[in-house]
C-alpha cells in the first residue's frame, strides 16, 4: 500500500494538472471540453454525449458555448 506522502503528492499533482488546463474568461474559470475529456481519458464526443444524457446532474453553468454575442464588448 502506498504511503500517505505518496498519495498526497499524487493528489497535488492531479490538482495542479487540472488547474493548468483551466483558463480565466470574463472572470470565470473555464476548461475546454477537449481538455476535460483528456483528463477523463475519453473522446470529447463521449464526454458531451454523457453530459447531455445526464444534464440534470450538472449546474446550469457547467456547459456553455461561447460565441461573439457571449463576449462583452
N, C-alpha and C. Protein backbone atom coordinates (compact mmCIF):
# COMPACT_ATOMS: atom_id res chain seq x y z
N UNK A 1 0.85 -1.18 0.00
CA UNK A 1 0.00 0.00 0.00
C UNK A 1 0.89 1.24 0.00
N UNK A 2 0.60 2.23 -0.87
CA UNK A 2 1.41 3.44 -0.93
C UNK A 2 1.30 4.24 0.37
N UNK A 3 2.39 4.94 0.67
CA UNK A 3 2.39 5.76 1.89
C UNK A 3 1.51 6.99 1.71
N UNK A 4 1.18 7.63 2.83
CA UNK A 4 0.34 8.82 2.79
C UNK A 4 1.02 9.95 2.03
N UNK A 5 2.35 10.02 2.13
CA UNK A 5 3.09 11.06 1.42
C UNK A 5 2.98 10.88 -0.10
N UNK A 6 3.07 9.65 -0.56
CA UNK A 6 2.96 9.38 -2.00
C UNK A 6 1.56 9.71 -2.49
N UNK A 7 0.56 9.32 -1.73
CA UNK A 7 -0.82 9.62 -2.10
C UNK A 7 -1.04 11.12 -2.14
N UNK A 8 -0.53 11.84 -1.14
CA UNK A 8 -0.67 13.30 -1.10
C UNK A 8 0.01 13.95 -2.30
N UNK A 9 1.20 13.48 -2.68
CA UNK A 9 1.90 14.04 -3.84
C UNK A 9 1.12 13.80 -5.12
N UNK A 10 0.54 12.61 -5.26
CA UNK A 10 -0.26 12.31 -6.45
C UNK A 10 -1.49 13.20 -6.51
N UNK A 11 -2.12 13.43 -5.36
CA UNK A 11 -3.30 14.29 -5.32
C UNK A 11 -2.94 15.71 -5.71
N UNK A 12 -1.84 16.23 -5.17
CA UNK A 12 -1.39 17.58 -5.51
C UNK A 12 -1.07 17.67 -7.00
N UNK A 13 -0.40 16.65 -7.53
CA UNK A 13 -0.08 16.63 -8.96
C UNK A 13 -1.36 16.62 -9.79
N UNK A 14 -2.37 15.89 -9.34
CA UNK A 14 -3.64 15.84 -10.07
C UNK A 14 -4.32 17.20 -10.06
N UNK A 15 -4.34 17.85 -8.90
CA UNK A 15 -4.96 19.17 -8.80
C UNK A 15 -4.21 20.16 -9.67
N UNK A 16 -2.89 20.12 -9.63
CA UNK A 16 -2.08 21.02 -10.46
C UNK A 16 -2.33 20.75 -11.95
N UNK A 17 -2.46 19.50 -12.30
CA UNK A 17 -2.72 19.14 -13.71
C UNK A 17 -4.07 19.70 -14.16
N UNK A 18 -5.07 19.59 -13.32
CA UNK A 18 -6.39 20.12 -13.64
C UNK A 18 -6.35 21.63 -13.74
N UNK A 19 -5.76 22.28 -12.75
CA UNK A 19 -5.70 23.75 -12.74
C UNK A 19 -4.92 24.29 -13.93
N UNK A 20 -3.91 23.55 -14.38
CA UNK A 20 -3.11 24.02 -15.52
C UNK A 20 -3.92 24.01 -16.82
N UNK A 21 -5.03 23.28 -16.84
CA UNK A 21 -5.88 23.19 -18.03
C UNK A 21 -7.00 24.23 -18.03
N UNK A 22 -7.09 25.02 -16.97
CA UNK A 22 -8.17 25.99 -16.85
C UNK A 22 -7.73 27.36 -17.35
N UNK A 23 -8.70 28.12 -17.83
CA UNK A 23 -8.47 29.47 -18.32
C UNK A 23 -9.43 30.40 -17.62
N UNK A 24 -9.07 31.67 -17.55
CA UNK A 24 -9.96 32.67 -16.99
C UNK A 24 -10.58 33.44 -18.16
N UNK A 25 -11.89 33.34 -18.31
CA UNK A 25 -12.61 34.01 -19.39
C UNK A 25 -13.72 34.83 -18.78
N UNK A 26 -13.67 36.12 -18.99
CA UNK A 26 -14.69 37.03 -18.46
C UNK A 26 -14.89 36.80 -16.95
N UNK A 27 -13.80 36.59 -16.23
CA UNK A 27 -13.87 36.42 -14.78
C UNK A 27 -14.33 35.05 -14.32
N UNK A 28 -14.49 34.10 -15.23
CA UNK A 28 -14.94 32.75 -14.88
C UNK A 28 -13.86 31.74 -15.24
N UNK A 29 -13.63 30.78 -14.35
CA UNK A 29 -12.71 29.69 -14.68
C UNK A 29 -13.42 28.74 -15.63
N UNK A 30 -12.77 28.43 -16.74
CA UNK A 30 -13.36 27.52 -17.72
C UNK A 30 -12.31 26.51 -18.18
N UNK A 31 -12.80 25.40 -18.68
CA UNK A 31 -11.92 24.39 -19.26
C UNK A 31 -12.53 23.97 -20.59
N UNK A 32 -11.72 23.93 -21.59
CA UNK A 32 -12.15 23.50 -22.91
C UNK A 32 -12.53 22.01 -22.82
N UNK A 33 -13.64 21.65 -23.43
CA UNK A 33 -14.15 20.29 -23.28
C UNK A 33 -13.18 19.23 -23.77
N UNK A 34 -12.35 19.55 -24.74
CA UNK A 34 -11.39 18.56 -25.21
C UNK A 34 -10.34 18.26 -24.14
N UNK A 35 -9.98 19.28 -23.38
CA UNK A 35 -9.02 19.08 -22.29
C UNK A 35 -9.66 18.28 -21.15
N UNK A 36 -10.93 18.57 -20.86
CA UNK A 36 -11.63 17.82 -19.82
C UNK A 36 -11.77 16.35 -20.23
N UNK A 37 -12.04 16.12 -21.48
CA UNK A 37 -12.14 14.75 -21.98
C UNK A 37 -10.80 14.02 -21.82
N UNK A 38 -9.70 14.73 -22.07
CA UNK A 38 -8.38 14.13 -21.88
C UNK A 38 -8.18 13.70 -20.43
N UNK A 39 -8.61 14.55 -19.50
CA UNK A 39 -8.45 14.23 -18.07
C UNK A 39 -9.24 12.98 -17.70
N UNK A 40 -10.42 12.82 -18.30
CA UNK A 40 -11.24 11.65 -18.04
C UNK A 40 -10.88 10.46 -18.94
N UNK A 41 -9.94 10.70 -19.85
CA UNK A 41 -9.48 9.68 -20.79
C UNK A 41 -10.61 9.10 -21.62
N UNK A 42 -11.43 10.01 -22.16
CA UNK A 42 -12.50 9.65 -23.08
C UNK A 42 -12.43 10.58 -24.29
N UNK A 43 -13.11 10.19 -25.35
CA UNK A 43 -13.18 11.06 -26.52
C UNK A 43 -14.09 12.25 -26.20
N UNK A 44 -13.80 13.42 -26.73
CA UNK A 44 -14.63 14.60 -26.46
C UNK A 44 -16.11 14.37 -26.76
N UNK A 45 -16.41 13.68 -27.85
CA UNK A 45 -17.82 13.45 -28.20
C UNK A 45 -18.52 12.60 -27.14
N UNK A 46 -17.78 11.68 -26.52
CA UNK A 46 -18.34 10.83 -25.48
C UNK A 46 -18.66 11.67 -24.24
N UNK A 47 -17.77 12.60 -23.91
CA UNK A 47 -18.00 13.49 -22.77
C UNK A 47 -19.25 14.34 -22.99
N UNK A 48 -19.34 14.96 -24.14
CA UNK A 48 -20.50 15.81 -24.46
C UNK A 48 -21.79 14.99 -24.43
N UNK A 49 -21.74 13.82 -25.00
CA UNK A 49 -22.91 12.94 -25.02
C UNK A 49 -23.34 12.56 -23.60
N UNK A 50 -22.37 12.26 -22.74
CA UNK A 50 -22.68 11.88 -21.35
C UNK A 50 -23.32 13.05 -20.60
N UNK A 51 -22.81 14.25 -20.82
CA UNK A 51 -23.38 15.42 -20.15
C UNK A 51 -24.81 15.66 -20.65
N UNK A 52 -25.02 15.58 -21.93
CA UNK A 52 -26.36 15.80 -22.48
C UNK A 52 -27.36 14.77 -21.96
N UNK A 53 -26.92 13.54 -21.81
CA UNK A 53 -27.80 12.48 -21.32
C UNK A 53 -28.13 12.65 -19.83
N UNK A 54 -27.24 13.32 -19.10
CA UNK A 54 -27.40 13.47 -17.65
C UNK A 54 -27.41 14.94 -17.24
N UNK A 55 -27.97 15.79 -18.06
CA UNK A 55 -27.89 17.24 -17.85
C UNK A 55 -28.44 17.67 -16.49
N UNK A 56 -29.40 16.92 -15.95
CA UNK A 56 -29.99 17.29 -14.65
C UNK A 56 -28.99 17.15 -13.50
N UNK A 57 -27.91 16.45 -13.72
CA UNK A 57 -26.88 16.28 -12.68
C UNK A 57 -25.90 17.44 -12.61
N UNK A 58 -25.96 18.34 -13.58
CA UNK A 58 -24.99 19.42 -13.66
C UNK A 58 -25.66 20.76 -13.42
N UNK A 59 -24.87 21.69 -12.87
CA UNK A 59 -25.40 23.03 -12.68
C UNK A 59 -25.62 23.68 -14.04
N UNK A 60 -26.44 24.70 -14.06
CA UNK A 60 -26.81 25.36 -15.32
C UNK A 60 -25.60 25.90 -16.07
N UNK A 61 -24.59 26.34 -15.33
CA UNK A 61 -23.43 26.94 -15.97
C UNK A 61 -22.28 25.95 -16.22
N UNK A 62 -22.55 24.65 -16.05
CA UNK A 62 -21.48 23.66 -16.24
C UNK A 62 -20.98 23.65 -17.67
N UNK A 63 -21.88 23.67 -18.62
CA UNK A 63 -21.50 23.58 -20.02
C UNK A 63 -22.16 24.71 -20.78
N UNK A 64 -21.36 25.45 -21.50
CA UNK A 64 -21.90 26.53 -22.32
C UNK A 64 -21.02 26.69 -23.54
N UNK A 65 -21.56 27.38 -24.51
CA UNK A 65 -20.84 27.59 -25.75
C UNK A 65 -20.65 29.08 -25.95
N UNK A 66 -19.42 29.49 -26.17
CA UNK A 66 -19.14 30.89 -26.42
C UNK A 66 -19.34 31.23 -27.89
N UNK A 67 -19.84 32.40 -28.11
CA UNK A 67 -19.92 32.93 -29.46
C UNK A 67 -19.70 34.44 -29.36
N UNK A 68 -19.71 35.14 -30.46
CA UNK A 68 -19.42 36.57 -30.43
C UNK A 68 -20.39 37.34 -29.55
N UNK A 69 -21.65 36.91 -29.49
CA UNK A 69 -22.65 37.59 -28.66
C UNK A 69 -22.43 37.34 -27.16
N UNK A 70 -21.73 36.24 -26.82
CA UNK A 70 -21.49 35.89 -25.42
C UNK A 70 -20.44 36.80 -24.77
N UNK A 71 -19.54 37.33 -25.58
CA UNK A 71 -18.43 38.10 -25.04
C UNK A 71 -18.82 39.56 -24.85
N UNK A 72 -18.30 40.17 -23.78
CA UNK A 72 -18.61 41.60 -23.55
C UNK A 72 -17.95 42.46 -24.62
N UNK A 73 -18.56 43.58 -24.88
CA UNK A 73 -17.99 44.48 -25.91
C UNK A 73 -17.15 45.55 -25.29
